[in-house]
C-alpha atoms as a PDB file:
ATOM      1  CA  MET A   1     -11.284 -19.318  -9.316  1.00  0.00           C
ATOM      2  CA  GLY A   2     -10.433 -22.232  -7.524  1.00  0.00           C
ATOM      3  CA  MET A   3      -7.767 -23.567  -4.769  1.00  0.00           C
ATOM      4  CA  PRO A   4      -4.729 -24.559  -6.680  1.00  0.00           C
ATOM      5  CA  THR A   5      -2.149 -27.226  -5.014  1.00  0.00           C
ATOM      6  CA  GLY A   6       0.611 -25.591  -3.651  1.00  0.00           C
ATOM      7  CA  GLY A   7      -1.686 -23.889  -0.868  1.00  0.00           C
ATOM      8  CA  VAL A   8      -2.181 -20.572  -2.849  1.00  0.00           C
ATOM      9  CA  ASP A   9      -5.679 -19.492  -2.740  1.00  0.00           C
ATOM     10  CA  LEU A  10      -6.265 -17.305  -6.235  1.00  0.00           C
ATOM     11  CA  ARG A  11      -9.743 -17.041  -5.529  1.00  0.00           C
ATOM     12  CA  ARG A  12     -10.250 -13.616  -6.692  1.00  0.00           C
ATOM     13  CA  GLY A  13     -13.341 -13.147  -4.246  1.00  0.00           C
ATOM     14  CA  LEU A  14     -11.666 -10.673  -1.922  1.00  0.00           C
ATOM     15  CA  SER A  15     -10.128  -8.461  -4.950  1.00  0.00           C
ATOM     16  CA  THR A  16     -13.273  -8.177  -6.692  1.00  0.00           C
ATOM     17  CA  THR A  17     -15.110  -7.313  -3.706  1.00  0.00           C
ATOM     18  CA  LEU A  18     -12.648  -4.585  -2.713  1.00  0.00           C
ATOM     19  CA  THR A  19     -12.676  -3.430  -6.326  1.00  0.00           C
ATOM     20  CA  VAL A  20     -16.055  -2.975  -5.741  1.00  0.00           C
ATOM     21  CA  LEU A  21     -15.937  -1.280  -2.539  1.00  0.00           C
ATOM     22  CA  PHE A  22     -13.289   1.379  -3.771  1.00  0.00           C
ATOM     23  CA  ALA A  23     -15.647   2.478  -7.071  1.00  0.00           C
ATOM     24  CA  VAL A  24     -18.725   2.978  -4.483  1.00  0.00           C
ATOM     25  CA  ALA A  25     -16.439   4.898  -1.873  1.00  0.00           C
ATOM     26  CA  LEU A  26     -14.733   7.300  -4.885  1.00  0.00           C
ATOM     27  CA  PRO A  27     -18.341   8.650  -5.217  1.00  0.00           C
ATOM     28  CA  ALA A  28     -19.009   8.711  -1.741  1.00  0.00           C
ATOM     29  CA  LEU A  29     -15.578  10.939  -1.492  1.00  0.00           C
ATOM     30  CA  ILE A  30     -16.677  13.002  -4.357  1.00  0.00           C
ATOM     31  CA  LEU A  31     -20.292  14.094  -2.432  1.00  0.00           C
ATOM     32  CA  VAL A  32     -17.655  14.908   0.623  1.00  0.00           C
ATOM     33  CA  LEU A  33     -15.903  17.129  -1.036  1.00  0.00           C
ATOM     34  CA  VAL A  34     -18.816  18.438  -2.574  1.00  0.00           C
ATOM     35  CA  ALA A  35     -20.256  19.048   1.289  1.00  0.00           C
ATOM     36  CA  ARG A  36     -17.496  20.231   2.348  1.00  0.00           C
ATOM     37  CA  GLY A  37     -17.365  23.215  -0.388  1.00  0.00           C
ATOM     38  CA  GLY A  38     -20.574  23.983   0.466  1.00  0.00           C
ATOM     39  CA  GLN A  39     -19.652  24.842   3.715  1.00  0.00           C
ATOM     40  CA  TRP A  40     -16.517  26.467   2.723  1.00  0.00           C
ATOM     41  CA  SER A  41     -18.845  28.614   0.338  1.00  0.00           C
ATOM     42  CA  VAL A  42     -21.426  29.451   2.806  1.00  0.00           C
ATOM     43  CA  ILE A  43     -18.649  30.713   5.325  1.00  0.00           C
ATOM     44  CA  GLY A  44     -17.372  32.420   2.173  1.00  0.00           C
ATOM     45  CA  ASP A  45     -20.520  34.432   1.715  1.00  0.00           C
ATOM     46  CA  MET A  46     -20.609  35.583   5.171  1.00  0.00           C
ATOM     47  CA  LEU A  47     -16.799  37.026   4.860  1.00  0.00           C
ATOM     48  CA  ASP A  48     -17.895  38.668   1.696  1.00  0.00           C
ATOM     49  CA  GLY A  49     -20.719  40.500   3.712  1.00  0.00           C
ATOM     50  CA  GLU A  50     -23.364  38.924   1.940  1.00  0.00           C
ATOM     51  CA  SER A  51     -26.853  37.769   3.580  1.00  0.00           C
ATOM     52  CA  VAL A  52     -25.951  34.436   5.162  1.00  0.00           C
ATOM     53  CA  THR A  53     -29.215  32.837   7.367  1.00  0.00           C
ATOM     54  CA  ARG A  54     -28.489  30.188  10.295  1.00  0.00           C
ATOM     55  CA  GLU A  55     -30.559  28.129   7.995  1.00  0.00           C
ATOM     56  CA  ASP A  56     -28.144  28.310   5.072  1.00  0.00           C
ATOM     57  CA  LEU A  57     -25.299  27.023   7.923  1.00  0.00           C
ATOM     58  CA  ASP A  58     -27.265  24.419   9.054  1.00  0.00           C
ATOM     59  CA  ASP A  59     -28.290  22.928   5.445  1.00  0.00           C
ATOM     60  CA  ALA A  60     -24.897  23.198   5.227  1.00  0.00           C
ATOM     61  CA  ASP A  61     -23.870  21.347   7.967  1.00  0.00           C
ATOM     62  CA  ASP A  62     -26.571  18.590   7.587  1.00  0.00           C
ATOM     63  CA  PHE A  63     -25.772  17.967   4.421  1.00  0.00           C
ATOM     64  CA  PHE A  64     -22.178  17.415   5.140  1.00  0.00           C
ATOM     65  CA  THR A  65     -23.521  14.945   8.251  1.00  0.00           C
ATOM     66  CA  GLY A  66     -25.221  12.797   5.806  1.00  0.00           C
ATOM     67  CA  VAL A  67     -22.604  11.768   3.119  1.00  0.00           C
ATOM     68  CA  TRP A  68     -19.798  11.555   5.782  1.00  0.00           C
ATOM     69  CA  VAL A  69     -21.936   8.952   7.744  1.00  0.00           C
ATOM     70  CA  LEU A  70     -22.192   7.133   4.464  1.00  0.00           C
ATOM     71  CA  TYR A  71     -18.692   7.010   3.737  1.00  0.00           C
ATOM     72  CA  VAL A  72     -17.747   6.330   7.250  1.00  0.00           C
ATOM     73  CA  LEU A  73     -19.601   2.830   6.657  1.00  0.00           C
ATOM     74  CA  LEU A  74     -18.171   2.161   3.637  1.00  0.00           C
ATOM     75  CA  THR A  75     -14.914   2.919   5.060  1.00  0.00           C
ATOM     76  CA  ILE A  76     -15.335   0.414   7.602  1.00  0.00           C
ATOM     77  CA  ALA A  77     -16.575  -2.101   5.378  1.00  0.00           C
ATOM     78  CA  LEU A  78     -13.137  -1.211   2.947  1.00  0.00           C
ATOM     79  CA  ALA A  79     -10.779  -1.642   6.195  1.00  0.00           C
ATOM     80  CA  VAL A  80     -12.409  -5.286   7.055  1.00  0.00           C
ATOM     81  CA  VAL A  81     -12.172  -6.644   3.583  1.00  0.00           C
ATOM     82  CA  TRP A  82      -8.337  -5.119   2.918  1.00  0.00           C
ATOM     83  CA  ALA A  83      -7.196  -6.598   6.067  1.00  0.00           C
ATOM     84  CA  VAL A  84      -8.339  -9.947   4.986  1.00  0.00           C
ATOM     85  CA  TRP A  85      -7.230  -9.546   1.785  1.00  0.00           C
ATOM     86  CA  PHE A  86      -4.003  -8.461   2.984  1.00  0.00           C
ATOM     87  CA  ARG A  87      -3.804 -11.417   5.041  1.00  0.00           C
ATOM     88  CA  ARG A  88      -4.207 -13.278   2.276  1.00  0.00           C
ATOM     89  CA  LEU A  89      -1.499 -12.317  -0.246  1.00  0.00           C
ATOM     90  CA  ARG A  90       0.549 -12.659   3.015  1.00  0.00           C
ATOM     91  CA  LEU A  91       0.099 -16.397   2.957  1.00  0.00           C
ATOM     92  CA  ASN A  92       0.178 -17.177  -0.683  1.00  0.00           C
ATOM     93  CA  ALA A  93       3.843 -14.588  -0.643  1.00  0.00           C
ATOM     94  CA  GLU A  94       4.920 -17.220   2.112  1.00  0.00           C
ATOM     95  CA  VAL A  95       3.959 -20.119  -0.007  1.00  0.00           C
ATOM     96  CA  PHE A  96       6.068 -18.261  -2.742  1.00  0.00           C
ATOM     97  CA  ALA A  97       9.164 -17.156  -0.315  1.00  0.00           C
ATOM     98  CA  PRO A  98       9.161 -19.683   2.313  1.00  0.00           C
ATOM     99  CA  GLY A  99      11.115 -17.670   5.691  1.00  0.00           C
ATOM    100  CA  ALA A 100      11.591 -14.328   3.475  1.00  0.00           C
ATOM    101  CA  HIS A 101       9.046 -12.113   5.470  1.00  0.00           C
ATOM    102  CA  ARG A 102       9.688 -10.232   8.735  1.00  0.00           C
ATOM    103  CA  PHE A 103       6.324 -10.095  10.007  1.00  0.00           C
ATOM    104  CA  SER A 104       3.702 -12.883  10.535  1.00  0.00           C
ATOM    105  CA  PRO A 105       0.558 -13.311   8.951  1.00  0.00           C
ATOM    106  CA  GLY A 106      -1.417 -12.570  11.963  1.00  0.00           C
ATOM    107  CA  TRP A 107       0.357  -8.996  12.182  1.00  0.00           C
ATOM    108  CA  ALA A 108      -0.509  -8.805   7.783  1.00  0.00           C
ATOM    109  CA  ALA A 109      -4.308  -8.016   9.279  1.00  0.00           C
ATOM    110  CA  GLY A 110      -3.274  -6.551  12.709  1.00  0.00           C
ATOM    111  CA  ALA A 111      -0.791  -3.594  11.935  1.00  0.00           C
ATOM    112  CA  TRP A 112      -3.453  -1.758   9.996  1.00  0.00           C
ATOM    113  CA  PHE A 113      -5.651  -1.369  13.298  1.00  0.00           C
ATOM    114  CA  THR A 114      -2.372  -1.255  15.864  1.00  0.00           C
ATOM    115  CA  PRO A 115      -1.770   2.390  16.788  1.00  0.00           C
ATOM    116  CA  VAL A 116       1.604   3.995  15.832  1.00  0.00           C
ATOM    117  CA  VAL A 117       3.037   0.860  14.127  1.00  0.00           C
ATOM    118  CA  ASN A 118       0.376   1.298  11.138  1.00  0.00           C
ATOM    119  CA  LEU A 119       2.461   4.215  10.274  1.00  0.00           C
ATOM    120  CA  TRP A 120       5.495   1.360   8.983  1.00  0.00           C
ATOM    121  CA  PHE A 121       4.538  -2.231   9.159  1.00  0.00           C
ATOM    122  CA  PRO A 122       2.100  -2.747   6.640  1.00  0.00           C
ATOM    123  CA  LYS A 123       4.744  -1.089   4.255  1.00  0.00           C
ATOM    124  CA  GLN A 124       7.369  -3.408   5.467  1.00  0.00           C
ATOM    125  CA  ILE A 125       4.583  -5.960   4.861  1.00  0.00           C
ATOM    126  CA  ALA A 126       3.614  -5.002   1.807  1.00  0.00           C
ATOM    127  CA  ASN A 127       7.149  -4.808   0.354  1.00  0.00           C
ATOM    128  CA  ASP A 128       7.808  -8.864   0.999  1.00  0.00           C
ATOM    129  CA  ILE A 129       4.722  -9.356  -0.400  1.00  0.00           C
ATOM    130  CA  TRP A 130       6.078  -8.109  -3.437  1.00  0.00           C
ATOM    131  CA  ARG A 131       9.442  -9.188  -3.568  1.00  0.00           C
ATOM    132  CA  ALA A 132       7.932 -13.108  -3.414  1.00  0.00           C
ATOM    133  CA  SER A 133       5.183 -12.417  -5.758  1.00  0.00           C
ATOM    134  CA  SER A 134       6.759 -10.787  -8.884  1.00  0.00           C
ATOM    135  CA  PRO A 135       7.177 -13.314 -11.512  1.00  0.00           C
ATOM    136  CA  GLN A 136      10.735 -11.857 -12.391  1.00  0.00           C
ATOM    137  CA  GLY A 137      11.934 -12.320  -9.397  1.00  0.00           C
ATOM    138  CA  PRO A 138      12.368 -10.090  -5.998  1.00  0.00           C
ATOM    139  CA  HIS A 139      15.324  -8.101  -7.434  1.00  0.00           C
ATOM    140  CA  ALA A 140      13.433  -7.004 -10.593  1.00  0.00           C
ATOM    141  CA  ALA A 141      10.250  -6.114  -8.650  1.00  0.00           C
ATOM    142  CA  ASN A 142       9.324  -2.930  -8.981  1.00  0.00           C
ATOM    143  CA  ARG A 143       8.079  -0.926  -6.781  1.00  0.00           C
ATOM    144  CA  GLY A 144       7.067   2.554  -8.197  1.00  0.00           C
ATOM    145  CA  LEU A 145       2.855   1.663  -7.764  1.00  0.00           C
ATOM    146  CA  LEU A 146       3.852   0.205  -4.173  1.00  0.00           C
ATOM    147  CA  ASN A 147       5.417   3.544  -2.819  1.00  0.00           C
ATOM    148  CA  GLY A 148       3.419   5.940  -4.651  1.00  0.00           C
ATOM    149  CA  TRP A 149       0.215   4.470  -2.971  1.00  0.00           C
ATOM    150  CA  TRP A 150       2.024   4.377   0.440  1.00  0.00           C
ATOM    151  CA  VAL A 151       2.949   7.818   0.280  1.00  0.00           C
ATOM    152  CA  THR A 152      -0.319   9.336  -0.763  1.00  0.00           C
ATOM    153  CA  TRP A 153      -2.252   7.320   1.688  1.00  0.00           C
ATOM    154  CA  ILE A 154       0.260   8.418   4.565  1.00  0.00           C
ATOM    155  CA  VAL A 155      -0.240  12.129   3.543  1.00  0.00           C
ATOM    156  CA  ALA A 156      -4.024  11.624   3.099  1.00  0.00           C
ATOM    157  CA  MET A 157      -4.563  10.438   6.881  1.00  0.00           C
ATOM    158  CA  VAL A 158      -2.156  12.591   8.000  1.00  0.00           C
ATOM    159  CA  MET A 159      -3.662  15.763   6.254  1.00  0.00           C
ATOM    160  CA  ASN A 160      -7.058  14.691   7.283  1.00  0.00           C
ATOM    161  CA  SER A 161      -6.043  13.732  11.042  1.00  0.00           C
ATOM    162  CA  ILE A 162      -4.899  17.216  11.270  1.00  0.00           C
ATOM    163  CA  GLY A 163      -8.016  18.729   8.973  1.00  0.00           C
ATOM    164  CA  SER A 164     -10.183  17.273  11.496  1.00  0.00           C
ATOM    165  CA  ILE A 165      -8.709  17.919  14.560  1.00  0.00           C
ATOM    166  CA  ARG A 166      -8.544  21.456  13.903  1.00  0.00           C
ATOM    167  CA  TYR A 167     -12.291  21.856  12.703  1.00  0.00           C
ATOM    168  CA  SER A 168     -13.634  20.024  15.660  1.00  0.00           C
ATOM    169  CA  ALA A 169     -11.567  22.268  18.282  1.00  0.00           C
ATOM    170  CA  LEU A 170     -12.820  25.494  16.587  1.00  0.00           C
ATOM    171  CA  ARG A 171     -16.082  24.534  15.998  1.00  0.00           C
ATOM    172  CA  GLY A 172     -16.202  23.666  19.447  1.00  0.00           C
ATOM    173  CA  LYS A 173     -14.922  26.923  20.768  1.00  0.00           C
ATOM    174  CA  MET A 174     -17.220  28.862  18.678  1.00  0.00           C
ATOM    175  CA  GLU A 175     -20.484  26.805  19.519  1.00  0.00           C
ATOM    176  CA  SER A 176     -19.987  26.694  23.752  1.00  0.00           C
ATOM    177  CA  ASP A 177     -21.777  28.763  25.367  1.00  0.00           C
ATOM    178  CA  SER A 178     -18.841  30.698  27.181  1.00  0.00           C
ATOM    179  CA  TYR A 179     -18.014  32.205  23.424  1.00  0.00           C
ATOM    180  CA  SER A 180     -18.169  35.810  23.448  1.00  0.00           C
ATOM    181  CA  PRO A 181     -15.487  37.172  21.081  1.00  0.00           C
ATOM    182  CA  SER A 182     -15.357  40.653  20.134  1.00  0.00           C
ATOM    183  CA  PHE A 183     -15.923  41.891  16.134  1.00  0.00           C
ATOM    184  CA  VAL A 184     -12.256  41.437  15.418  1.00  0.00           C
ATOM    185  CA  GLU A 185     -12.108  38.216  17.406  1.00  0.00           C
ATOM    186  CA  ALA A 186     -15.380  36.612  15.780  1.00  0.00           C
ATOM    187  CA  LYS A 187     -14.259  37.902  12.355  1.00  0.00           C
ATOM    188  CA  GLU A 188     -10.520  35.701  12.653  1.00  0.00           C
ATOM    189  CA  ASP A 189     -12.260  33.079  13.744  1.00  0.00           C
ATOM    190  CA  VAL A 190     -14.557  32.699  10.701  1.00  0.00           C
ATOM    191  CA  GLU A 191     -11.616  33.320   8.711  1.00  0.00           C
ATOM    192  CA  SER A 192      -9.852  30.710  10.255  1.00  0.00           C
ATOM    193  CA  LEU A 193     -12.366  28.192   9.695  1.00  0.00           C
ATOM    194  CA  HIS A 194     -12.574  29.260   5.893  1.00  0.00           C
ATOM    195  CA  ASP A 195      -9.067  28.200   5.819  1.00  0.00           C
ATOM    196  CA  ILE A 196      -9.422  25.059   7.792  1.00  0.00           C
ATOM    197  CA  LEU A 197     -12.411  23.593   5.364  1.00  0.00           C
ATOM    198  CA  ALA A 198      -9.815  24.653   2.222  1.00  0.00           C
ATOM    199  CA  PHE A 199      -7.248  23.083   3.663  1.00  0.00           C
ATOM    200  CA  ASP A 200      -9.288  19.773   4.376  1.00  0.00           C
ATOM    201  CA  MET A 201     -10.745  19.556   1.121  1.00  0.00           C
ATOM    202  CA  PHE A 202      -7.321  19.491  -0.493  1.00  0.00           C
ATOM    203  CA  ALA A 203      -6.771  16.685   2.046  1.00  0.00           C
ATOM    204  CA  LEU A 204     -10.088  14.923   0.652  1.00  0.00           C
ATOM    205  CA  VAL A 205      -8.599  15.433  -3.154  1.00  0.00           C
ATOM    206  CA  VAL A 206      -5.239  14.016  -1.446  1.00  0.00           C
ATOM    207  CA  LEU A 207      -7.537  11.286  -0.439  1.00  0.00           C
ATOM    208  CA  MET A 208      -8.983  10.138  -3.879  1.00  0.00           C
ATOM    209  CA  ALA A 209      -5.747   9.690  -5.397  1.00  0.00           C
ATOM    210  CA  ALA A 210      -4.868   7.835  -2.523  1.00  0.00           C
ATOM    211  CA  ALA A 211      -7.997   5.515  -3.578  1.00  0.00           C
ATOM    212  CA  VAL A 212      -7.303   5.326  -6.606  1.00  0.00           C
ATOM    213  CA  LEU A 213      -3.686   4.046  -6.298  1.00  0.00           C
ATOM    214  CA  ALA A 214      -5.458   1.540  -3.616  1.00  0.00           C
ATOM    215  CA  LEU A 215      -7.588   0.335  -6.491  1.00  0.00           C
ATOM    216  CA  LEU A 216      -4.938  -0.039  -9.277  1.00  0.00           C
ATOM    217  CA  LEU A 217      -2.558  -1.929  -6.252  1.00  0.00           C
ATOM    218  CA  VAL A 218      -5.449  -4.459  -5.926  1.00  0.00           C
ATOM    219  CA  ARG A 219      -5.235  -5.360  -9.499  1.00  0.00           C
ATOM    220  CA  GLN A 220      -1.756  -5.253  -9.784  1.00  0.00           C
ATOM    221  CA  ILE A 221      -0.667  -7.814  -6.966  1.00  0.00           C
ATOM    222  CA  THR A 222      -3.370 -10.094  -7.824  1.00  0.00           C
ATOM    223  CA  THR A 223      -2.383 -10.276 -11.566  1.00  0.00           C
ATOM    224  CA  MET A 224       1.400 -10.747  -9.987  1.00  0.00           C
ATOM    225  CA  GLN A 225       0.526 -13.184  -7.479  1.00  0.00           C
ATOM    226  CA  GLU A 226      -1.691 -15.180 -10.364  1.00  0.00           C
ATOM    227  CA  GLN A 227       1.421 -14.843 -12.518  1.00  0.00           C
ATOM    228  CA  ARG A 228       3.892 -16.436 -10.126  1.00  0.00           C
ATOM    229  CA  ALA A 229       1.666 -19.335  -9.253  1.00  0.00           C
ATOM    230  CA  ALA A 230       1.771 -20.496 -12.777  1.00  0.00           C
ATOM    231  CA  LEU A 231       5.894 -20.462 -12.412  1.00  0.00           C
ATOM    232  CA  PRO A 232       7.301 -24.304 -12.073  1.00  0.00           C
ATOM    233  CA  PRO A 233       8.409 -24.455  -8.640  1.00  0.00           C
ATOM    234  CA  GLN A 234      12.279 -24.202  -7.899  1.00  0.00           C
ATOM    235  CA  VAL A 235      13.984 -27.066  -7.158  1.00  0.00           C
ATOM    236  CA  GLY A 236      17.330 -26.669  -4.812  1.00  0.00           C
ATOM    237  CA  PRO A 237      20.435 -29.090  -4.875  1.00  0.00           C
ATOM    238  CA  MET A 238      19.058 -31.403  -2.342  1.00  0.00           C
ATOM    239  CA  GLY A 239      16.224 -32.228  -3.756  1.00  0.00           C
ATOM    240  CA  GLY A 240      14.220 -29.508  -1.982  1.00  0.00           C
ATOM    241  CA  PRO A 241      12.803 -26.019  -2.797  1.00  0.00           C
ATOM    242  CA  ALA A 242      15.597 -23.371  -3.736  1.00  0.00           C
ATOM    243  CA  PRO A 243      15.052 -20.388  -2.207  1.00  0.00           C
ATOM    244  CA  TYR A 244      13.354 -17.770  -4.661  1.00  0.00           C
ATOM    245  CA  GLY A 245      15.459 -15.745  -6.680  1.00  0.00           C
ATOM    246  CA  ALA A 246      18.256 -18.253  -6.674  1.00  0.00           C
ATOM    247  CA  GLY A 247      19.586 -19.248  -9.848  1.00  0.00           C
ATOM    248  CA  ALA A 248      19.023 -22.525 -11.422  1.00  0.00           C
ATOM    249  CA  PRO A 249      21.046 -25.447 -11.258  1.00  0.00           C
ATOM    250  CA  SER A 250      23.153 -26.303 -13.937  1.00  0.00           C
ATOM    251  CA  PRO A 251      22.170 -28.451 -16.858  1.00  0.00           C
ATOM    252  CA  TYR A 252      25.355 -30.109 -17.328  1.00  0.00           C
ATOM    253  CA  GLY A 253      25.263 -31.448 -14.116  1.00  0.00           C
ATOM    254  CA  VAL A 254      28.391 -31.807 -11.239  1.00  0.00           C
ATOM    255  CA  PRO A 255      32.069 -32.047 -12.326  1.00  0.00           C
ATOM    256  CA  PRO A 256      34.169 -34.663 -10.528  1.00  0.00           C
ATOM    257  CA  GLN A 257      35.988 -33.666  -7.674  1.00  0.00           C
ATOM    258  CA  GLY A 258      39.703 -31.506  -8.974  1.00  0.00           C
ATOM    259  CA  GLN A 259      38.234 -30.665 -11.981  1.00  0.00           C
ATOM    260  CA  PRO A 260      36.843 -27.140 -13.581  1.00  0.00           C
ATOM    261  CA  PRO A 261      33.296 -26.756 -14.072  1.00  0.00           C
ATOM    262  CA  TYR A 262      31.963 -28.255 -17.418  1.00  0.00           C
ATOM    263  CA  GLY A 263      31.670 -25.735 -19.770  1.00  0.00           C
ATOM    264  CA  ALA A 264      34.332 -23.443 -18.450  1.00  0.00           C
ATOM    265  CA  PRO A 265      37.187 -22.547 -20.542  1.00  0.00           C
ATOM    266  CA  GLN A 266      40.377 -24.558 -20.792  1.00  0.00           C
ATOM    267  CA  MET A 267      43.296 -22.543 -19.723  1.00  0.00           C
ATOM    268  CA  PRO A 268      46.453 -23.822 -21.428  1.00  0.00           C
ATOM    269  CA  PRO A 269      49.030 -25.026 -19.199  1.00  0.00           C
ATOM    270  CA  GLY A 270      52.000 -22.436 -18.139  1.00  0.00           C
ATOM    271  CA  PRO A 271      55.465 -23.232 -17.603  1.00  0.00           C
ATOM    272  CA  PRO A 272      56.520 -24.600 -14.060  1.00  0.00           C
ATOM    273  CA  GLY A 273      57.114 -23.463 -10.784  1.00  0.00           C
ATOM    274  CA  PRO A 274      60.150 -22.952  -9.072  1.00  0.00           C
ATOM    275  CA  GLY A 275      61.133 -26.473  -7.843  1.00  0.00           C
ATOM    276  CA  GLN A 276      58.527 -28.307 -10.064  1.00  0.00           C
ATOM    277  CA  PRO A 277      59.811 -30.639 -12.827  1.00  0.00           C
ATOM    278  CA  TYR A 278      58.942 -30.437 -16.275  1.00  0.00           C
ATOM    279  CA  PRO A 279      56.205 -32.885 -17.478  1.00  0.00           C
ATOM    280  CA  PRO A 280      57.436 -35.700 -19.721  1.00  0.00           C
ATOM    281  CA  TYR A 281      58.229 -35.618 -22.918  1.00  0.00           C
ATOM    282  CA  GLY A 282      55.340 -35.973 -25.151  1.00  0.00           C
ATOM    283  CA  HIS A 283      52.729 -34.757 -22.152  1.00  0.00           C
ATOM    284  CA  GLY A 284      51.768 -31.220 -21.554  1.00  0.00           C
END
């Protein structure tokens, strides 16, 4: 789709690219989950007293490393395309609702890569975009999908970060040259590693849910902006654009000064107040 008049960019190249990347990233995430499950299974066999060789451990680790590198490469591509696409949404939303946004288009792309503020700036920008892009008006915008995606995304990011930090710290401790635990300490460390892997697997499931919701979000906001762009422009009382969501001007025009609005119910005159003469006979 080409660029329509009014500065709204409705070309579907970026949204289609995101859809394809998510469609590839989801199977990659499933592979990561399977690889983590392989590590968890080998550690579980060790705890159950079954025969586990060093080669079994290395094979499980190598498989996880391979699929993890593939997933990281897909994530980098997704992050770049997502930031460019999100900035375009923000530019379109500025056309729909000029001056009704809390952050500039630059923040729409940069907020995702800025530590700390990326925990809430993108959501505020997304809220403004969602309201401005709603064909039914800003007050009728249902943000259920948007809120569900954001909560799931934040939970997944926090859980994956915690799991990765705990796993790296424990593996580093167990693989260090100075590691010489007793039997009880070694068993406790292996049990902790098993628990961390289980936690990490659950975090991957939450991340997959966030990816599915993100894919639905891309489709939804793309459709919303296309429907919003198809609406006729609103005209303000002085001939300029009306604020988005403002009521339409009266089709009856402006009544003369001192007269009630056209179409308003005409109330019969009441009795005169104190000190007011009665109207002449035959008037009233």
